[in-house]
Amino acid sequence: MDDAKSADSTAERNNSLSPRDRAAAGKALRKRVPRALQGHWRPVGTRRDVLSILRTSDADRLPELLPIRYGRMLPSPFAFFRGSAALMVADLAQMPNTSIIVQACGDCHLMNFGGFASPERNLVFDINDFDETLPGPWEWDVKRLATSFILAVRENRLSKSVARRAALKCVRSYREAIRALASLDPLDLWYKRFDIDTLLRLAPSRGDRARLERRIKKATAASGSNLEFPKLGEVVHGVARIHDAPPLIFHPEPEEADDFRAISDEALKSYRASLADDRKRLLDRYRYIDAAIKVTGIGNVGRRSWVALLMSPADNPLFLQFRQANDSVLEPYAGKSCYGSSRAACCEWAAPHASNFGHISWLDDKPSRRILRPPAARRQAEPDDRDD
């Protein structure tokens, strides 16, 4: 399907309906696609081999980092689940859906939710990972989220009955929230936020609330970059830099430092061009200090990613992370993105006290691919293989 046209046509139809008409349309749709059809999944005869799907998802990754990716997936079924969104969507695509298209997360599991700051520095609780986002059927996100609760319960060695209750509460909460949100006017819905105060009110006990309050107090005691600096940065002979911790954080080889600086400068320039004018002025108050390649997450391991350290005039740090943005795992089943190919990167300000995204043109030439490889792999490569 053409995701943009399908989503636009669905929105246009819904916008012309009154709340009563929309409720009636939903009930009619339920008759055509009964909920009972969503209750069972069986593998189809044409199901692709699991390893084949995983290898396909590795095509644009740095091969030297694949052992780290699969090493992080090995410890438990939940860890494997987090790194294999492509497998689940291949199965979910075989199931019936209502053809109600939403901006799907694409990798909707419980570890991809958390607290972070809005651009206004208001603490909110929401999805915090959009690497696989694409318009697609709403059912896919809900099923993946409910499955993640079951696997998380198993990982914590709780009973099957606890897992069932957790999954049921997950989908019940979704249903009740959607029903409540559907009654709101468009502007009220647009500004609706799930803030930290709401999260605290929902804490099941005083002890849980107290633990949340302590964590929030610790997280808000300093800016996100100030919290991250002791983990990522160091001061050597009075000069701040990102410290190396290979193979997870590393600088390019000395002979490639100039090329890497040129890549970083171009990335920052392109990122700045994507910002609104007020954010450009804010970014201009910081100066570039250092950058290093950084391996992140589970599903993203092997994709090109690096972190840049900037400093204010008073030498307060700001970290920017640049990551390769790829075709969503949903695309083979939901259609291509209307925003073009994967040759782009996203940039985000260090969490939790800055939340601002921009886009840069991805530099996919051979030198940049070589520079972003781990140092040991570059030293082992044959001369005629170094640009692969």
Protein backbone atom coordinates (compact mmCIF):
# COMPACT_ATOMS: atom_id res chain seq x y z
CA MET A 1 0.00 0.00 0.00
CA ASP A 2 1.07 3.62 -0.34
CA ASP A 3 1.28 4.49 3.34
CA ALA A 4 0.89 8.25 2.93
CA LYS A 5 -2.14 8.05 0.61
CA SER A 6 -3.80 5.37 2.73
CA ALA A 7 -3.30 7.28 5.97
CA ASP A 8 -4.46 10.56 4.40
CA SER A 9 -7.59 9.01 2.91
CA THR A 10 -8.46 7.33 6.22
CA ALA A 11 -7.99 10.62 8.10
CA GLU A 12 -10.10 12.48 5.54
CA ARG A 13 -12.96 10.00 5.94
CA ASN A 14 -12.78 10.09 9.74
CA ASN A 15 -12.65 13.89 9.89
CA SER A 16 -15.99 14.11 8.09
CA LEU A 17 -17.76 11.81 10.57
CA SER A 18 -19.50 12.86 13.78
CA PRO A 19 -18.54 10.95 16.96
CA ARG A 20 -21.81 8.98 16.71
CA ASP A 21 -21.13 8.10 13.06
CA ARG A 22 -17.59 7.03 13.90
CA ALA A 23 -18.84 4.76 16.66
CA ALA A 24 -21.34 3.20 14.25
CA ALA A 25 -18.61 2.73 11.63
CA GLY A 26 -16.43 1.03 14.22
CA LYS A 27 -19.17 -1.41 15.17
CA ALA A 28 -19.78 -2.22 11.50
CA LEU A 29 -16.07 -2.80 11.03
CA ARG A 30 -16.03 -5.14 14.03
CA LYS A 31 -18.63 -7.31 12.27
CA ARG A 32 -16.43 -7.55 9.19
CA VAL A 33 -13.28 -8.21 11.23
CA PRO A 34 -14.40 -9.83 14.51
CA ARG A 35 -12.12 -9.61 17.50
CA ALA A 36 -12.08 -13.41 17.68
CA LEU A 37 -9.94 -13.41 14.53
CA GLN A 38 -7.19 -11.66 16.49
CA GLY A 39 -7.00 -14.35 19.16
CA HIS A 40 -4.99 -17.03 17.39
CA TRP A 41 -1.91 -17.14 15.21
CA ARG A 42 -0.76 -20.10 13.18
CA PRO A 43 2.31 -20.20 10.92
CA VAL A 44 1.48 -20.19 7.23
CA GLY A 45 3.06 -22.61 4.79
CA THR A 46 4.98 -19.81 3.06
CA ARG A 47 6.56 -18.51 6.26
CA ARG A 48 10.13 -17.35 5.67
CA ASP A 49 13.03 -18.93 7.49
CA VAL A 50 13.89 -17.09 10.71
CA LEU A 51 17.60 -16.86 9.94
CA SER A 52 16.83 -15.54 6.46
CA ILE A 53 14.81 -12.67 7.94
CA LEU A 54 17.56 -11.82 10.42
CA ARG A 55 20.24 -11.90 7.73
CA THR A 56 18.17 -9.57 5.57
CA SER A 57 17.96 -7.10 8.45
CA ASP A 58 21.77 -7.28 8.77
CA ALA A 59 22.39 -6.17 5.19
CA ASP A 60 23.08 -2.52 6.09
CA ARG A 61 24.98 -3.21 9.32
CA LEU A 62 28.71 -3.16 9.91
CA PRO A 63 29.62 -6.87 9.88
CA GLU A 64 32.29 -6.45 12.55
CA LEU A 65 29.62 -5.42 15.05
CA LEU A 66 27.20 -8.28 14.36
CA PRO A 67 28.72 -10.51 17.09
CA ILE A 68 27.86 -7.77 19.61
CA ARG A 69 24.31 -7.57 18.26
CA TYR A 70 23.66 -11.30 18.54
CA GLY A 71 25.53 -11.50 21.83
CA ARG A 72 23.06 -8.99 23.26
CA MET A 73 20.14 -11.03 21.90
CA LEU A 74 21.34 -14.32 23.41
CA PRO A 75 20.73 -13.98 27.17
CA SER A 76 16.94 -14.45 27.14
CA PRO A 77 13.84 -14.72 24.94
CA PHE A 78 13.00 -11.11 25.83
CA ALA A 79 16.43 -9.90 24.68
CA PHE A 80 16.01 -11.86 21.44
CA PHE A 81 12.54 -10.37 21.02
CA ARG A 82 13.90 -6.82 21.40
CA GLY A 83 16.42 -7.37 18.61
CA SER A 84 14.11 -9.12 16.15
CA ALA A 85 11.19 -6.82 15.34
CA ALA A 86 11.42 -7.94 11.71
CA LEU A 87 10.49 -11.50 12.71
CA MET A 88 7.33 -10.52 14.54
CA VAL A 89 5.99 -8.18 11.86
CA ALA A 90 6.49 -10.92 9.26
CA ASP A 91 4.12 -13.07 11.32
CA LEU A 92 1.68 -10.30 12.25
CA ALA A 93 1.32 -9.33 8.59
CA GLN A 94 -0.27 -12.73 7.92
CA MET A 95 -3.10 -12.03 10.37
CA PRO A 96 -6.31 -10.11 9.57
CA ASN A 97 -6.52 -6.45 10.52
CA THR A 98 -9.12 -3.71 10.36
CA SER A 99 -7.15 -1.59 7.84
CA ILE A 100 -7.22 1.29 10.32
CA ILE A 101 -3.83 2.88 9.68
CA VAL A 102 -1.94 4.73 12.42
CA GLN A 103 1.60 6.05 12.75
CA ALA A 104 2.87 2.78 14.17
CA CYS A 105 5.95 2.61 16.40
CA GLY A 106 7.05 -0.56 14.60
CA ASP A 107 8.98 -1.80 17.65
CA CYS A 108 6.44 -1.26 20.40
CA HIS A 109 7.66 -3.09 23.50
CA LEU A 110 7.69 -2.04 27.13
CA MET A 111 11.41 -1.17 27.16
CA ASN A 112 10.77 1.44 24.47
CA PHE A 113 8.65 3.52 26.85
CA GLY A 114 10.08 5.88 29.41
CA GLY A 115 10.24 9.33 30.91
CA PHE A 116 11.90 12.17 29.05
CA ALA A 117 11.67 15.91 28.72
CA SER A 118 9.64 17.73 26.12
CA PRO A 119 11.29 20.67 24.31
CA GLU A 120 9.79 22.82 27.09
CA ARG A 121 11.49 20.55 29.67
CA ASN A 122 8.22 19.18 30.98
CA LEU A 123 8.67 15.56 32.03
CA VAL A 124 6.41 13.21 30.08
CA PHE A 125 6.04 9.46 29.76
CA ASP A 126 5.76 8.08 26.25
CA ILE A 127 7.31 5.97 23.51
CA ASN A 128 10.99 6.93 23.21
CA ASP A 129 12.15 4.88 20.20
CA PHE A 130 11.03 5.69 16.67
CA ASP A 131 13.63 3.87 14.57
CA GLU A 132 11.00 1.63 12.95
CA THR A 133 8.06 4.03 12.80
CA LEU A 134 5.81 3.89 9.72
CA PRO A 135 2.08 4.14 9.02
CA GLY A 136 0.63 0.67 9.51
CA PRO A 137 -2.20 -1.30 11.15
CA TRP A 138 -2.75 -0.39 14.78
CA GLU A 139 -3.03 -4.04 15.77
CA TRP A 140 0.67 -4.70 15.15
CA ASP A 141 1.87 -2.32 17.87
CA VAL A 142 -0.66 -3.50 20.45
CA LYS A 143 0.17 -7.19 19.91
CA ARG A 144 3.91 -6.58 20.13
CA LEU A 145 3.48 -4.53 23.31
CA ALA A 146 1.31 -7.19 24.98
CA THR A 147 3.80 -9.91 23.99
CA SER A 148 6.64 -7.92 25.56
CA PHE A 149 4.84 -7.92 28.91
CA ILE A 150 4.52 -11.70 28.80
CA LEU A 151 8.22 -12.15 28.01
CA ALA A 152 9.25 -9.64 30.68
CA VAL A 153 7.18 -11.53 33.27
CA ARG A 154 8.83 -14.80 32.25
CA GLU A 155 12.28 -13.22 32.47
CA ASN A 156 11.50 -12.20 36.04
CA ARG A 157 10.44 -15.81 36.78
CA LEU A 158 6.86 -14.97 37.65
CA SER A 159 3.92 -17.28 36.99
CA LYS A 160 1.90 -17.77 33.83
CA SER A 161 -1.13 -16.29 35.58
CA VAL A 162 0.84 -13.08 36.26
CA ALA A 163 1.88 -12.97 32.60
CA ARG A 164 -1.72 -13.36 31.48
CA ARG A 165 -2.93 -10.63 33.84
CA ALA A 166 -0.18 -8.28 32.67
CA ALA A 167 -1.04 -8.80 28.99
CA LEU A 168 -4.77 -8.38 29.64
CA LYS A 169 -4.22 -5.21 31.64
CA CYS A 170 -1.99 -3.86 28.86
CA VAL A 171 -4.61 -4.26 26.13
CA ARG A 172 -7.45 -3.20 28.45
CA SER A 173 -5.60 0.03 29.25
CA TYR A 174 -5.12 0.65 25.53
CA ARG A 175 -8.81 0.07 24.81
CA GLU A 176 -10.00 2.32 27.63
CA ALA A 177 -7.53 5.08 26.74
CA ILE A 178 -8.56 5.05 23.07
CA ARG A 179 -12.23 5.26 24.07
CA ALA A 180 -11.52 8.26 26.32
CA LEU A 181 -9.34 10.02 23.74
CA ALA A 182 -11.94 9.52 21.01
CA SER A 183 -14.32 11.80 22.92
CA LEU A 184 -11.92 14.76 22.96
CA ASP A 185 -12.01 17.74 20.62
CA PRO A 186 -9.08 17.88 18.16
CA LEU A 187 -7.17 20.61 20.04
CA ASP A 188 -7.60 18.91 23.40
CA LEU A 189 -6.37 15.66 21.88
CA TRP A 190 -3.40 17.41 20.25
CA TYR A 191 -2.19 18.82 23.58
CA LYS A 192 -2.90 15.70 25.61
CA ARG A 193 0.17 14.51 27.50
CA PHE A 194 0.88 11.68 29.90
CA ASP A 195 3.03 13.60 32.34
CA ILE A 196 5.03 12.37 35.30
CA ASP A 197 2.43 13.59 37.80
CA THR A 198 -0.13 11.32 36.14
CA LEU A 199 2.33 8.43 36.30
CA LEU A 200 2.87 9.02 40.02
CA ARG A 201 -0.87 9.06 40.66
CA LEU A 202 -1.15 5.65 38.98
CA ALA A 203 1.53 4.06 41.16
CA PRO A 204 -0.03 0.94 42.72
CA SER A 205 1.36 1.57 46.22
CA ARG A 206 3.02 4.23 48.36
CA GLY A 207 6.29 2.33 48.10
CA ASP A 208 6.16 2.33 44.30
CA ARG A 209 5.33 6.03 44.29
CA ALA A 210 8.25 6.78 46.63
CA ARG A 211 10.66 4.83 44.42
CA LEU A 212 9.45 6.71 41.34
CA GLU A 213 9.80 10.05 43.11
CA ARG A 214 13.40 9.24 44.13
CA ARG A 215 14.31 8.28 40.56
CA ILE A 216 12.70 11.42 39.15
CA LYS A 217 14.49 13.61 41.70
CA LYS A 218 17.83 12.05 40.79
CA ALA A 219 17.19 12.41 37.06
CA THR A 220 16.15 16.06 37.34
CA ALA A 221 19.03 17.11 39.59
CA ALA A 222 21.15 18.02 36.55
CA SER A 223 20.84 18.30 32.80
CA GLY A 224 20.97 15.12 30.73
CA SER A 225 24.38 15.93 29.28
CA ASN A 226 25.83 16.71 32.72
CA LEU A 227 24.62 13.30 33.87
CA GLU A 228 26.10 11.61 30.81
CA PHE A 229 29.50 13.30 30.91
CA PRO A 230 30.99 11.12 33.68
CA LYS A 231 29.97 8.04 31.66
CA LEU A 232 31.10 9.22 28.23
CA GLY A 233 33.60 12.00 28.82
CA GLU A 234 36.92 12.66 30.48
CA VAL A 235 39.33 15.54 30.86
CA VAL A 236 42.90 14.85 29.73
CA HIS A 237 45.52 17.56 30.39
CA GLY A 238 42.73 20.09 30.78
CA VAL A 239 41.00 19.13 27.53
CA ALA A 240 37.57 17.50 27.51
CA ARG A 241 37.03 14.53 25.22
CA ILE A 242 34.96 11.37 24.84
CA HIS A 243 36.80 8.45 26.38
CA ASP A 244 37.36 5.25 24.42
CA ALA A 245 35.79 1.96 25.54
CA PRO A 246 36.20 -0.27 22.48
CA PRO A 247 34.41 -1.94 20.84
CA LEU A 248 31.41 0.03 22.15
CA ILE A 249 32.89 3.56 22.06
CA PHE A 250 35.94 4.41 19.99
CA HIS A 251 37.64 7.14 17.95
CA PRO A 252 38.82 6.64 14.39
CA GLU A 253 42.46 5.83 13.73
CA PRO A 254 44.73 8.92 13.89
CA GLU A 255 45.23 8.98 10.12
CA GLU A 256 41.45 9.14 9.67
CA ALA A 257 40.76 11.82 12.27
CA ASP A 258 40.56 14.65 9.73
CA ASP A 259 38.12 12.75 7.55
CA PHE A 260 35.96 11.93 10.57
CA ARG A 261 35.98 15.57 11.66
CA ALA A 262 34.83 16.55 8.17
CA ILE A 263 31.99 14.02 8.38
CA SER A 264 30.98 15.33 11.81
CA ASP A 265 31.09 18.95 10.64
CA GLU A 266 28.91 18.14 7.63
CA ALA A 267 26.47 16.22 9.84
CA LEU A 268 26.18 19.12 12.29
CA LYS A 269 25.74 21.60 9.44
CA SER A 270 23.00 19.51 7.86
CA TYR A 271 21.35 18.96 11.25
CA ARG A 272 21.39 22.68 12.01
CA ALA A 273 19.71 23.41 8.67
CA SER A 274 16.79 21.16 9.66
CA LEU A 275 16.07 23.10 12.89
CA ALA A 276 13.66 25.95 13.48
CA ASP A 277 15.33 29.34 13.79
CA ASP A 278 15.06 29.54 17.59
CA ARG A 279 16.77 26.16 17.99
CA LYS A 280 19.49 27.17 15.55
CA ARG A 281 20.33 30.10 17.82
CA LEU A 282 20.46 27.78 20.81
CA LEU A 283 22.75 25.31 19.05
CA ASP A 284 25.03 28.16 17.97
CA ARG A 285 25.86 28.86 21.61
CA TYR A 286 27.81 25.58 21.74
CA ARG A 287 31.16 24.73 20.16
CA TYR A 288 32.27 21.36 18.83
CA ILE A 289 34.78 19.52 21.06
CA ASP A 290 34.95 15.85 20.07
CA ALA A 291 33.07 12.95 18.49
CA ALA A 292 33.35 9.17 18.67
CA ILE A 293 31.60 6.12 17.25
CA LYS A 294 29.17 4.57 19.75
CA VAL A 295 27.35 1.21 19.67
CA THR A 296 23.81 1.52 21.05
CA GLY A 297 20.89 -0.71 22.00
CA ILE A 298 20.14 -4.17 20.62
CA GLY A 299 18.19 -3.68 17.42
CA ASN A 300 20.48 -0.84 16.31
CA VAL A 301 23.82 -2.58 16.85
CA GLY A 302 25.80 -2.57 13.63
CA ARG A 303 24.20 0.53 12.22
CA ARG A 304 26.25 3.68 11.92
CA SER A 305 26.07 5.77 15.05
CA TRP A 306 28.26 8.30 16.76
CA VAL A 307 28.05 10.83 19.56
CA ALA A 308 29.38 14.39 19.50
CA LEU A 309 30.45 16.43 22.51
CA LEU A 310 29.80 20.19 22.43
CA MET A 311 30.51 22.76 25.13
CA SER A 312 28.85 26.05 26.13
CA PRO A 313 30.92 29.20 26.83
CA ALA A 314 30.90 28.17 30.51
CA ASP A 315 32.15 24.67 29.57
CA ASN A 316 28.91 22.86 30.29
CA PRO A 317 28.55 19.79 28.05
CA LEU A 318 25.95 18.96 25.43
CA PHE A 319 25.91 15.54 23.75
CA LEU A 320 24.36 15.02 20.33
CA GLN A 321 23.82 11.53 18.99
CA PHE A 322 23.76 10.83 15.27
CA ARG A 323 22.29 7.55 14.11
CA GLN A 324 21.62 5.93 10.79
CA ALA A 325 17.92 5.98 9.93
CA ASN A 326 16.88 2.88 8.02
CA ASP A 327 13.92 1.52 6.15
CA SER A 328 11.36 0.43 8.74
CA VAL A 329 10.91 -3.30 9.30
CA LEU A 330 7.24 -2.64 8.48
CA GLU A 331 7.94 -1.55 4.89
CA PRO A 332 7.82 -5.00 3.22
CA TYR A 333 4.25 -5.37 4.51
CA ALA A 334 2.93 -1.80 4.95
CA GLY A 335 4.53 -0.09 1.97
CA LYS A 336 7.45 2.26 1.43
CA SER A 337 7.84 5.41 3.46
CA CYS A 338 6.83 8.63 1.72
CA TYR A 339 10.03 10.21 3.08
CA GLY A 340 12.42 8.39 0.79
CA SER A 341 15.22 5.91 1.32
CA SER A 342 17.19 4.95 4.41
CA ARG A 343 20.19 7.06 3.50
CA ALA A 344 19.55 9.58 6.22
CA ALA A 345 20.43 9.96 9.84
CA CYS A 346 18.67 11.39 12.85
CA CYS A 347 20.15 13.48 15.60
CA GLU A 348 18.87 13.69 19.14
CA TRP A 349 19.92 15.72 22.14
CA ALA A 350 21.06 13.85 25.21
CA ALA A 351 18.21 12.49 27.34
CA PRO A 352 16.52 12.96 29.70
CA HIS A 353 16.48 16.77 29.76
CA ALA A 354 16.44 17.64 26.12
CA SER A 355 14.22 16.17 23.48
CA ASN A 356 14.79 17.59 20.04
CA PHE A 357 15.09 15.72 16.78
CA GLY A 358 16.49 16.79 13.44
CA HIS A 359 17.61 15.11 10.28
CA ILE A 360 20.82 15.10 8.30
CA SER A 361 21.79 13.73 4.94
CA TRP A 362 23.46 10.38 5.48
CA LEU A 363 27.04 10.21 4.23
CA ASP A 364 27.22 6.80 2.59
CA ASP A 365 30.46 7.12 0.70
CA LYS A 366 33.20 4.51 1.12
CA PRO A 367 35.48 6.62 3.37
CA SER A 368 32.71 7.17 5.92
CA ARG A 369 31.85 3.48 5.95
CA ARG A 370 35.49 2.63 6.59
CA ILE A 371 35.95 5.22 9.33
CA LEU A 372 32.89 4.03 11.24
CA ARG A 373 34.22 0.48 11.48
CA PRO A 374 35.86 -0.68 14.73
CA PRO A 375 39.65 -0.05 14.78
CA ALA A 376 40.56 -3.74 15.14
CA ALA A 377 38.47 -4.62 12.10
CA ARG A 378 40.10 -1.90 10.01
CA ARG A 379 43.58 -3.10 10.98
CA GLN A 380 42.70 -6.68 10.04
CA ALA A 381 41.18 -5.78 6.68
CA GLU A 382 43.21 -6.33 3.56
CA PRO A 383 44.17 -3.16 1.64
CA ASP A 384 41.73 -3.84 -1.18
CA ASP A 385 38.94 -4.64 1.30
CA ARG A 386 39.17 -1.49 3.42
CA ASP A 387 36.52 0.42 1.48
CA ASP A 388 33.91 -2.34 1.56
